[in-house]
Amino acid sequence: MLPSTPQRLITAVLLSCCRVWGQTSPFFPCDVVKNPALAGFGFCDKSLSVEDRVGDLVKRLILQEKIGNLVNGAAEVSRLGIPKYQWWSEALHGVSNIGPGTQFSTVVPGATNFPMPILTAACSVSSHRKRSFFPSLSPSCHKVHLFAFFFSFFLGKFGEILNAECRFIARAMYNVRLAGLTFWSPNINIFRDPRWVRGQEKPGEDPLLSSVKGLQQTDDGDSNKLKVAACCKHYTAYILDNWKGVQRYTFNAVVTQQDLDDTFQPPFKSCVIDGNVASVISAFKDQHYTKTDVIFGFHNPSGRLPMTWYPQSYVGKVSMTNMNMRADPATGYPGRTYRFYKGEAVFSCGDGISFSSVEHRIVRAPQLVSFPLAEDHVCHSSECKSLDVADEHCQNLTFDFHIGVKIMGRMSSSHTVLLFFTPPDVHNAPQKHLLAFEKVHLPGKSEAHVRFKVDVCKDLSLIDELGNRKVPLGQHVLHVGET
């Protein structure tokens, strides 16, 4: 029999990815009980390493069999005891039968339907006043601006719950030929334009919010063992399906190196490096009583918008096919998302309502952050705009930023502390950038402290025009509040 969890993505080909709805073959791969002849194949020998098993399998496949396994509907290789397999299953906000790899039946009639990602991201955040501090910066100092958005704990738990459900329900469905174990989720593209009809699939327009984790986490922390195989999509700069006759299959997305490195790529880097995702795919409800509770004051709302609402005039100024994030005054192009948009907004990213006002106060923050520079460093003798992160000593260059959060009214409320960074005006930098967020629940007229740890080289750096990561010199601004 098969082990309960595949070891890695490539192992999934050998051990787990074999049973889908409509499958007529009467066996799992490497089922030596029903087919003893398979015991002689190296790829069925679990005592061998993954690399050795894969090598053994690949060398046994003929060209046509290899070609048949290059698509989502992988072909059966009956002579090797490998059934056909449908790689395409969906789990955007719960195990779904949208993809051809999963089908519900009377045996398994359904799975939990969670809120869409954009609603998951827009978790409770109450209104508040903006507070900021402005430490001065020199070639050896930095000032920073941070904001916290949404509910990181909830987002992580959402991934864990979805993970568990995928593991147990999908495994059960797999065992009865109703599903596979490979899911083409999550969608981590940037919500670049509100006209994109798939915007609700995204956590929002900020790269930090799109860095989703949790789907592949294991109970023992071993990153090489998978409950299910996740797939981050769509790589990369994908934001158009069908707009004025332009199709995603033929659209040529022309992206600047700077936009690519500081906007479109960070979610995928996080997904691969931090989340250890198994694969990457290429680009190609509010219930009625909740509303009533809010209207009559029984529930204190604290949701926040994870994207910008633009005025009607935006439609005429901005083509969906223009991939530039930054504004261009010469052409009247206003830019995209709260990080770069220069025009008026109907509602800004981070806007929301609450029946309670919230005050912030800075409890602890440095006024000066210094970079250790070598004696012969060029910035000692000439004026520098920024320091190359790759060339500087960044180890242990961190500081704590503590914020006091106080609910002024008598009504209890959840509140999301948004920590933003506004860099010096160099390298065509963003107007502001989300660094971190933390959610707190406060009884009426109470106060809590929120602590952020800021890594200077990671959190206060930016991408220059050539795609290099730099720490800008001068006055950085850390502020807490709305965008």
Protein backbone atom coordinates (compact mmCIF):
# COMPACT_ATOMS: atom_id res chain seq x y z
CA MET A 1 0.00 0.00 0.00
CA LEU A 2 1.02 3.61 -0.38
CA PRO A 3 2.46 5.69 2.46
CA SER A 4 0.00 8.19 3.96
CA THR A 5 1.91 11.24 2.69
CA PRO A 6 4.10 11.77 -0.38
CA GLN A 7 7.71 12.68 0.38
CA ARG A 8 8.19 15.38 -2.24
CA LEU A 9 6.54 16.52 -5.41
CA ILE A 10 8.54 14.14 -7.53
CA THR A 11 7.69 11.27 -5.18
CA ALA A 12 4.05 12.08 -5.69
CA VAL A 13 4.47 10.88 -9.27
CA LEU A 14 5.63 7.54 -7.98
CA LEU A 15 3.49 6.96 -4.95
CA SER A 16 0.41 9.08 -4.73
CA CYS A 17 -0.65 10.74 -7.94
CA CYS A 18 -2.58 8.00 -9.53
CA ARG A 19 -6.23 7.92 -8.65
CA VAL A 20 -8.75 10.30 -10.17
CA TRP A 21 -12.44 10.29 -10.96
CA GLY A 22 -13.21 8.37 -14.06
CA GLN A 23 -10.10 6.23 -13.54
CA THR A 24 -10.73 2.74 -14.94
CA SER A 25 -7.43 1.07 -14.06
CA PRO A 26 -7.92 -1.27 -11.08
CA PHE A 27 -4.66 -0.49 -9.33
CA PHE A 28 -2.53 2.08 -7.57
CA PRO A 29 1.06 2.54 -8.78
CA CYS A 30 3.55 0.07 -7.34
CA ASP A 31 0.73 -2.10 -5.96
CA VAL A 32 2.87 -5.24 -5.68
CA VAL A 33 0.09 -7.12 -3.86
CA LYS A 34 -2.12 -7.07 -6.92
CA ASN A 35 0.76 -7.11 -9.38
CA PRO A 36 3.84 -8.90 -7.93
CA ALA A 37 5.80 -8.23 -11.11
CA LEU A 38 6.13 -4.59 -10.10
CA ALA A 39 8.43 -5.55 -7.20
CA GLY A 40 11.28 -5.86 -9.66
CA PHE A 41 11.13 -2.21 -10.65
CA GLY A 42 13.56 0.10 -8.86
CA PHE A 43 11.06 2.97 -8.79
CA CYS A 44 8.79 0.81 -6.62
CA ASP A 45 11.54 0.07 -4.09
CA LYS A 46 10.86 2.38 -1.12
CA SER A 47 14.30 1.62 0.34
CA LEU A 48 15.93 3.59 -2.50
CA SER A 49 16.34 7.35 -2.52
CA VAL A 50 13.88 9.56 -4.35
CA GLU A 51 16.52 10.47 -6.92
CA ASP A 52 17.32 6.81 -7.63
CA ARG A 53 13.66 5.87 -7.95
CA VAL A 54 12.97 8.75 -10.32
CA GLY A 55 16.02 7.90 -12.39
CA ASP A 56 14.88 4.29 -12.66
CA LEU A 57 11.39 5.33 -13.78
CA VAL A 58 12.53 7.86 -16.35
CA LYS A 59 14.95 5.48 -18.06
CA ARG A 60 12.14 2.90 -18.44
CA LEU A 61 9.77 5.32 -20.16
CA ILE A 62 9.80 5.51 -23.94
CA LEU A 63 9.44 8.85 -25.72
CA GLN A 64 5.67 8.66 -26.26
CA GLU A 65 5.12 7.78 -22.59
CA LYS A 66 7.20 10.76 -21.49
CA ILE A 67 5.23 13.07 -23.79
CA GLY A 68 1.98 11.68 -22.37
CA ASN A 69 3.07 12.79 -18.90
CA LEU A 70 3.83 16.40 -19.81
CA VAL A 71 0.20 17.57 -19.48
CA ASN A 72 -2.22 17.80 -16.55
CA GLY A 73 -4.05 14.68 -17.70
CA ALA A 74 -1.09 12.29 -17.46
CA ALA A 75 -1.42 9.15 -19.56
CA GLU A 76 -1.47 5.61 -18.19
CA VAL A 77 1.63 3.45 -18.59
CA SER A 78 0.07 0.03 -18.08
CA ARG A 79 3.21 -1.98 -18.76
CA LEU A 80 4.85 -0.32 -15.73
CA GLY A 81 1.75 -0.42 -13.56
CA ILE A 82 1.30 3.38 -13.62
CA PRO A 83 -2.34 4.51 -13.92
CA LYS A 84 -3.38 7.75 -15.56
CA TYR A 85 -3.49 10.76 -13.25
CA GLN A 86 -5.20 14.14 -13.33
CA TRP A 87 -2.91 16.75 -11.76
CA TRP A 88 -5.52 19.50 -11.90
CA SER A 89 -7.49 19.83 -8.67
CA GLU A 90 -8.49 23.14 -7.08
CA ALA A 91 -8.52 24.31 -3.44
CA LEU A 92 -8.62 28.12 -3.65
CA HIS A 93 -10.92 28.41 -0.63
CA GLY A 94 -11.65 24.77 0.11
CA VAL A 95 -11.40 21.46 -1.73
CA SER A 96 -13.33 22.09 -4.95
CA ASN A 97 -14.68 20.14 -7.90
CA ILE A 98 -13.96 23.00 -10.32
CA GLY A 99 -10.89 21.21 -11.68
CA PRO A 100 -11.24 17.86 -13.50
CA GLY A 101 -9.18 16.03 -10.84
CA THR A 102 -11.89 16.12 -8.15
CA GLN A 103 -15.50 14.98 -8.16
CA PHE A 104 -17.96 14.87 -5.27
CA SER A 105 -20.43 12.00 -5.02
CA THR A 106 -22.78 10.35 -2.55
CA VAL A 107 -19.67 8.84 -0.96
CA VAL A 108 -18.07 12.26 -0.41
CA PRO A 109 -20.76 14.89 -1.05
CA GLY A 110 -18.69 18.01 -0.42
CA ALA A 111 -16.08 19.94 1.57
CA THR A 112 -15.94 23.16 3.57
CA ASN A 113 -16.41 26.29 1.44
CA PHE A 114 -14.28 29.02 3.04
CA PRO A 115 -14.57 32.74 2.17
CA MET A 116 -12.80 33.92 -0.96
CA PRO A 117 -9.17 35.01 -0.32
CA ILE A 118 -9.90 38.71 -0.69
CA LEU A 119 -12.42 38.45 2.17
CA THR A 120 -10.00 36.36 4.20
CA ALA A 121 -7.39 39.09 3.87
CA ALA A 122 -9.83 41.84 4.76
CA CYS A 123 -10.20 40.61 8.33
CA SER A 124 -11.28 42.96 11.07
CA VAL A 125 -9.46 46.24 11.32
CA SER A 126 -10.92 49.19 13.16
CA SER A 127 -10.54 52.88 12.42
CA HIS A 128 -7.63 54.72 13.91
CA ARG A 129 -5.49 57.83 13.81
CA LYS A 130 -2.17 57.84 12.03
CA ARG A 131 0.99 58.12 14.10
CA SER A 132 4.49 58.39 12.71
CA PHE A 133 8.05 59.18 13.72
CA PHE A 134 10.86 60.64 11.66
CA PRO A 135 14.37 59.70 12.73
CA SER A 136 17.07 61.42 10.68
CA LEU A 137 19.39 59.37 8.50
CA SER A 138 22.94 59.74 7.30
CA PRO A 139 25.20 57.31 5.39
CA SER A 140 25.22 55.33 8.62
CA CYS A 141 21.60 55.69 9.75
CA HIS A 142 18.08 54.84 8.62
CA LYS A 143 14.55 56.01 9.41
CA VAL A 144 11.67 53.75 8.61
CA HIS A 145 7.88 53.68 8.24
CA LEU A 146 5.89 50.53 8.88
CA PHE A 147 2.27 49.43 8.88
CA ALA A 148 0.43 46.33 9.91
CA PHE A 149 -2.47 45.03 7.86
CA PHE A 150 -4.99 42.27 8.45
CA PHE A 151 -4.65 39.18 10.64
CA SER A 152 -1.50 37.10 10.13
CA PHE A 153 -2.51 34.48 12.72
CA PHE A 154 -5.86 33.96 11.01
CA LEU A 155 -4.28 33.72 7.58
CA GLY A 156 -1.88 31.06 8.87
CA LYS A 157 -4.69 29.14 10.57
CA PHE A 158 -6.74 29.34 7.39
CA GLY A 159 -3.89 27.63 5.53
CA GLU A 160 -3.53 25.00 8.26
CA ILE A 161 -7.26 24.20 8.27
CA LEU A 162 -7.34 24.04 4.50
CA ASN A 163 -4.21 21.88 4.66
CA ALA A 164 -5.83 19.45 7.10
CA GLU A 165 -9.01 19.25 5.08
CA CYS A 166 -7.10 18.71 1.87
CA ARG A 167 -5.07 16.00 3.55
CA PHE A 168 -7.90 14.00 5.09
CA ILE A 169 -10.76 14.62 2.69
CA ALA A 170 -8.59 14.53 -0.41
CA ARG A 171 -6.77 11.42 0.82
CA ALA A 172 -10.12 9.71 1.44
CA MET A 173 -11.35 10.81 -1.98
CA TYR A 174 -8.10 9.65 -3.51
CA ASN A 175 -8.56 6.21 -1.98
CA VAL A 176 -12.01 5.90 -3.57
CA ARG A 177 -10.96 7.33 -6.93
CA LEU A 178 -12.61 10.74 -6.54
CA ALA A 179 -9.57 13.02 -6.31
CA GLY A 180 -5.84 13.41 -6.59
CA LEU A 181 -3.47 15.01 -4.12
CA THR A 182 -2.12 17.88 -6.21
CA PHE A 183 -3.93 21.21 -5.90
CA TRP A 184 -3.45 24.24 -8.14
CA SER A 185 -3.70 26.72 -5.27
CA PRO A 186 -3.04 29.34 -3.99
CA ASN A 187 -3.39 32.21 -6.44
CA ILE A 188 -0.76 34.74 -5.36
CA ASN A 189 -0.85 37.21 -8.23
CA ILE A 190 -1.00 40.90 -7.35
CA PHE A 191 -4.48 42.47 -7.55
CA ARG A 192 -3.08 45.03 -9.97
CA ASP A 193 -6.29 46.26 -11.59
CA PRO A 194 -9.88 46.19 -10.23
CA ARG A 195 -11.21 45.32 -13.68
CA TRP A 196 -9.63 41.90 -13.46
CA VAL A 197 -12.57 39.53 -12.95
CA ARG A 198 -10.44 37.17 -10.83
CA GLY A 199 -9.41 39.77 -8.27
CA GLN A 200 -11.44 38.06 -5.54
CA GLU A 201 -9.03 35.13 -5.72
CA LYS A 202 -6.19 37.30 -4.37
CA PRO A 203 -5.45 38.53 -0.85
CA GLY A 204 -4.94 42.08 -2.17
CA GLU A 205 -2.70 44.49 -4.02
CA ASP A 206 0.30 44.38 -1.68
CA PRO A 207 3.05 41.77 -2.25
CA LEU A 208 3.25 41.03 1.49
CA LEU A 209 -0.42 40.03 1.63
CA SER A 210 0.01 37.68 -1.32
CA SER A 211 2.76 35.68 0.42
CA VAL A 212 0.48 32.85 1.55
CA LYS A 213 1.78 30.00 3.69
CA GLY A 214 0.30 27.00 5.45
CA LEU A 215 -1.09 24.76 2.72
CA GLN A 216 1.81 22.29 2.76
CA GLN A 217 2.83 22.49 6.43
CA THR A 218 3.32 19.17 8.20
CA ASP A 219 2.70 18.26 11.81
CA ASP A 220 6.33 17.30 12.44
CA GLY A 221 7.81 20.31 10.64
CA ASP A 222 9.61 18.17 8.04
CA SER A 223 9.45 20.27 4.87
CA ASN A 224 10.21 17.23 2.69
CA LYS A 225 6.97 15.48 3.67
CA LEU A 226 3.76 16.72 2.09
CA LYS A 227 0.18 16.39 3.26
CA VAL A 228 -0.84 17.60 -0.17
CA ALA A 229 1.07 19.22 -3.01
CA ALA A 230 0.30 22.92 -3.44
CA CYS A 231 0.95 24.99 -6.55
CA CYS A 232 1.53 28.76 -6.54
CA LYS A 233 0.07 30.47 -9.59
CA HIS A 234 0.32 32.16 -12.05
CA TYR A 235 3.99 32.82 -12.70
CA THR A 236 4.44 35.76 -13.21
CA ALA A 237 2.95 39.25 -13.79
CA TYR A 238 -0.34 37.58 -14.70
CA ILE A 239 -3.37 39.87 -14.45
CA LEU A 240 -5.42 39.59 -17.62
CA ASP A 241 -7.86 36.96 -18.87
CA ASN A 242 -10.05 38.55 -21.53
CA TRP A 243 -10.06 42.33 -21.91
CA LYS A 244 -11.22 44.03 -25.09
CA GLY A 245 -10.26 41.02 -27.15
CA VAL A 246 -6.86 40.56 -25.48
CA GLN A 247 -6.53 36.98 -24.26
CA ARG A 248 -4.18 35.67 -21.58
CA TYR A 249 -2.90 33.02 -23.98
CA THR A 250 -1.39 35.55 -26.37
CA PHE A 251 -0.86 38.70 -24.24
CA ASN A 252 2.77 39.78 -24.06
CA ALA A 253 3.24 41.32 -20.59
CA VAL A 254 6.09 43.83 -20.85
CA VAL A 255 7.33 44.49 -17.30
CA THR A 256 10.20 46.68 -16.11
CA GLN A 257 12.93 44.99 -14.09
CA GLN A 258 12.12 47.20 -11.10
CA ASP A 259 8.39 46.34 -11.11
CA LEU A 260 9.21 42.69 -11.61
CA ASP A 261 11.55 42.52 -8.62
CA ASP A 262 9.66 44.67 -6.12
CA THR A 263 6.03 43.84 -6.98
CA PHE A 264 5.41 40.73 -9.05
CA GLN A 265 8.17 38.38 -7.90
CA PRO A 266 8.18 38.66 -4.05
CA PRO A 267 5.07 36.47 -3.52
CA PHE A 268 6.59 33.70 -5.63
CA LYS A 269 9.93 33.98 -3.86
CA SER A 270 8.14 33.65 -0.52
CA CYS A 271 6.05 30.74 -1.78
CA VAL A 272 9.09 28.79 -2.98
CA ILE A 273 11.69 29.69 -0.33
CA ASP A 274 9.53 30.16 2.78
CA GLY A 275 6.61 27.91 1.86
CA ASN A 276 8.60 25.14 0.10
CA VAL A 277 5.79 24.85 -2.43
CA ALA A 278 5.78 21.69 -4.53
CA SER A 279 5.16 23.40 -7.86
CA VAL A 280 4.53 26.69 -9.65
CA ILE A 281 2.10 27.09 -12.53
CA SER A 282 2.86 29.38 -15.42
CA ALA A 283 0.77 32.41 -16.30
CA PHE A 284 -1.52 31.73 -18.79
CA LYS A 285 -20.70 35.12 1.02
CA ASP A 286 -21.59 37.63 3.79
CA GLN A 287 -24.49 36.11 5.69
CA HIS A 288 -27.62 38.32 6.06
CA TYR A 289 -27.64 38.40 9.87
CA THR A 290 -24.06 39.73 9.98
CA LYS A 291 -25.15 42.80 8.06
CA THR A 292 -28.13 43.28 10.36
CA ASP A 293 -25.95 43.12 13.47
CA VAL A 294 -23.71 45.85 12.05
CA ILE A 295 -26.59 48.12 11.01
CA PHE A 296 -28.19 48.02 14.46
CA GLY A 297 -24.91 48.29 16.35
CA PHE A 298 -24.74 44.79 17.83
CA HIS A 299 -21.48 44.03 16.04
CA ASN A 300 -18.49 46.35 15.71
CA PRO A 301 -17.15 46.06 12.15
CA SER A 302 -13.44 46.20 11.62
CA GLY A 303 -12.87 45.02 8.05
CA ARG A 304 -10.39 46.77 5.77
CA LEU A 305 -10.08 47.00 2.02
CA PRO A 306 -7.08 45.08 0.66
CA MET A 307 -7.14 47.01 -2.62
CA THR A 308 -7.71 50.50 -4.02
CA TRP A 309 -11.06 51.62 -5.47
CA TYR A 310 -10.35 53.97 -8.34
CA PRO A 311 -12.65 56.67 -9.82
CA GLN A 312 -14.44 56.12 -13.13
CA SER A 313 -11.85 58.28 -14.93
CA TYR A 314 -9.21 55.63 -14.16
CA VAL A 315 -10.77 53.34 -16.77
CA GLY A 316 -10.12 55.81 -19.54
CA LYS A 317 -6.56 56.58 -18.47
CA VAL A 318 -5.21 53.11 -17.86
CA SER A 319 -5.05 50.23 -20.28
CA MET A 320 -5.24 46.75 -18.79
CA THR A 321 -2.29 45.79 -20.97
CA ASN A 322 0.00 48.44 -19.45
CA MET A 323 2.02 46.50 -16.90
CA ASN A 324 3.82 49.48 -15.33
CA MET A 325 3.23 49.93 -11.61
CA ARG A 326 4.82 53.37 -11.30
CA ALA A 327 3.20 56.63 -12.41
CA ASP A 328 4.48 58.48 -15.48
CA PRO A 329 3.70 62.24 -15.32
CA ALA A 330 4.86 62.71 -18.91
CA THR A 331 2.01 60.58 -20.27
CA GLY A 332 -0.53 61.14 -17.48
CA TYR A 333 -0.33 57.52 -16.42
CA PRO A 334 -1.35 57.56 -12.70
CA GLY A 335 0.29 54.33 -11.55
CA ARG A 336 -1.24 51.31 -9.82
CA THR A 337 -2.01 50.25 -6.24
CA TYR A 338 -1.62 52.39 -3.11
CA ARG A 339 2.16 52.01 -3.37
CA PHE A 340 2.42 53.97 -6.63
CA TYR A 341 -0.98 55.49 -7.56
CA LYS A 342 -0.80 59.31 -7.72
CA GLY A 343 -4.48 60.13 -8.31
CA GLU A 344 -7.57 60.46 -6.15
CA ALA A 345 -9.16 57.25 -4.88
CA VAL A 346 -12.81 56.52 -4.09
CA PHE A 347 -11.62 54.27 -1.28
CA SER A 348 -8.01 53.60 -0.40
CA CYS A 349 -6.40 50.31 0.41
CA GLY A 350 -6.81 49.95 4.18
CA ASP A 351 -10.03 51.97 4.47
CA GLY A 352 -12.77 50.61 6.72
CA ILE A 353 -15.36 51.50 9.35
CA SER A 354 -15.74 50.95 13.08
CA PHE A 355 -18.03 52.18 15.84
CA SER A 356 -14.97 52.80 18.04
CA SER A 357 -12.13 55.24 17.53
CA VAL A 358 -8.61 53.98 18.11
CA GLU A 359 -5.53 55.87 19.20
CA HIS A 360 -1.92 54.82 18.64
CA ARG A 361 1.15 55.91 20.53
CA ILE A 362 4.79 55.05 19.99
CA VAL A 363 6.09 53.15 23.01
CA ARG A 364 9.52 52.28 21.72
CA ALA A 365 11.36 53.24 18.55
CA PRO A 366 14.90 54.29 17.61
CA GLN A 367 15.59 57.78 16.29
CA LEU A 368 18.79 56.68 14.55
CA VAL A 369 19.93 53.43 12.95
CA SER A 370 23.57 53.18 11.89
CA PHE A 371 25.19 50.98 9.27
CA PRO A 372 28.69 49.66 10.01
CA LEU A 373 30.88 50.75 7.09
CA ALA A 374 34.47 49.85 6.34
CA GLU A 375 36.99 52.68 6.79
CA ASP A 376 37.67 52.88 3.08
CA HIS A 377 33.99 52.79 2.07
CA VAL A 378 33.20 55.31 -0.67
CA CYS A 379 30.30 56.77 1.31
CA HIS A 380 32.76 58.25 3.85
CA SER A 381 34.21 60.55 1.20
CA SER A 382 31.31 61.11 -1.20
CA GLU A 383 27.54 61.49 -1.03
CA CYS A 384 25.63 58.23 -1.42
CA LYS A 385 21.92 57.75 -2.10
CA SER A 386 21.86 54.14 -0.97
CA LEU A 387 23.91 51.15 0.09
CA ASP A 388 24.03 47.86 -1.77
CA VAL A 389 22.59 45.20 0.52
CA ALA A 390 24.76 42.53 -1.03
CA ASP A 391 27.93 44.46 -0.10
CA GLU A 392 27.05 45.52 3.43
CA HIS A 393 27.13 43.80 6.81
CA CYS A 394 23.49 43.15 7.70
CA GLN A 395 23.83 40.52 10.40
CA ASN A 396 21.86 41.36 13.54
CA LEU A 397 20.99 44.80 12.18
CA THR A 398 17.48 44.88 13.64
CA PHE A 399 15.44 47.00 16.02
CA ASP A 400 12.14 46.78 17.92
CA PHE A 401 9.19 49.03 17.21
CA HIS A 402 6.49 49.05 19.91
CA ILE A 403 3.06 50.61 19.49
CA GLY A 404 0.37 51.27 22.10
CA VAL A 405 -3.16 50.68 20.77
CA LYS A 406 -6.13 52.04 22.73
CA ILE A 407 -9.87 51.64 22.11
CA MET A 408 -11.49 54.95 23.06
CA GLY A 409 -15.12 53.83 23.04
CA ARG A 410 -16.97 51.41 25.30
CA MET A 411 -17.60 48.84 22.57
CA SER A 412 -15.11 45.98 22.20
CA SER A 413 -13.39 45.78 18.87
CA SER A 414 -10.83 43.88 16.84
CA HIS A 415 -8.16 46.09 15.35
CA THR A 416 -5.39 45.52 12.86
CA VAL A 417 -2.23 47.51 13.36
CA LEU A 418 -0.80 48.39 9.95
CA LEU A 419 2.90 49.12 9.85
CA PHE A 420 4.12 51.03 6.77
CA PHE A 421 7.52 52.15 5.56
CA THR A 422 7.99 55.34 3.55
CA PRO A 423 11.54 55.40 2.14
CA PRO A 424 13.57 58.43 1.07
CA ASP A 425 12.72 59.69 -2.40
CA VAL A 426 15.38 57.77 -4.33
CA HIS A 427 15.34 55.08 -7.00
CA ASN A 428 11.74 55.83 -7.95
CA ALA A 429 10.73 54.29 -4.61
CA PRO A 430 7.16 53.42 -3.59
CA GLN A 431 5.20 56.15 -1.79
CA LYS A 432 4.81 53.69 1.07
CA HIS A 433 5.09 49.98 1.59
CA LEU A 434 3.47 47.49 3.95
CA LEU A 435 6.07 45.89 6.20
CA ALA A 436 4.05 44.00 8.79
CA PHE A 437 0.64 43.69 10.41
CA GLU A 438 -0.79 42.40 13.66
CA LYS A 439 -4.36 41.93 14.83
CA VAL A 440 -5.50 42.55 18.40
CA HIS A 441 -8.88 42.27 20.12
CA LEU A 442 -9.56 44.93 22.71
CA PRO A 443 -12.37 45.34 25.24
CA GLY A 444 -13.87 48.82 25.37
CA LYS A 445 -11.61 51.57 26.78
CA SER A 446 -8.58 49.27 27.01
CA GLU A 447 -5.04 49.37 25.67
CA ALA A 448 -2.62 46.78 24.30
CA HIS A 449 0.98 46.89 23.11
CA VAL A 450 2.03 45.51 19.73
CA ARG A 451 5.67 44.71 19.01
CA PHE A 452 7.32 44.54 15.60
CA LYS A 453 10.90 43.49 14.92
CA VAL A 454 12.35 45.34 11.95
CA ASP A 455 15.22 43.91 9.92
CA VAL A 456 16.94 46.88 8.31
CA CYS A 457 18.34 45.14 5.23
CA LYS A 458 15.20 43.10 4.61
CA ASP A 459 12.41 45.47 5.63
CA LEU A 460 13.85 48.92 4.91
CA SER A 461 15.44 48.15 1.56
CA LEU A 462 14.01 48.67 -1.91
CA ILE A 463 14.67 47.68 -5.51
CA ASP A 464 16.50 50.20 -7.70
CA GLU A 465 15.91 50.82 -11.41
CA LEU A 466 18.25 47.95 -12.39
CA GLY A 467 16.70 45.37 -10.07
CA ASN A 468 19.34 45.62 -7.32
CA ARG A 469 18.29 45.64 -3.66
CA LYS A 470 19.47 48.79 -1.88
CA VAL A 471 19.05 50.37 1.55
CA PRO A 472 18.33 54.06 0.89
CA LEU A 473 20.03 56.71 3.01
CA GLY A 474 18.26 59.69 4.49
CA GLN A 475 15.02 60.07 6.40
CA HIS A 476 12.88 56.97 6.60
CA VAL A 477 9.36 57.17 7.99
CA LEU A 478 7.61 54.49 10.01
CA HIS A 479 3.92 55.11 10.38
CA VAL A 480 1.01 53.20 11.78
CA GLY A 481 -2.45 53.76 10.41
CA GLU A 482 -4.33 53.97 7.15
CA THR A 483 -2.50 54.00 3.85
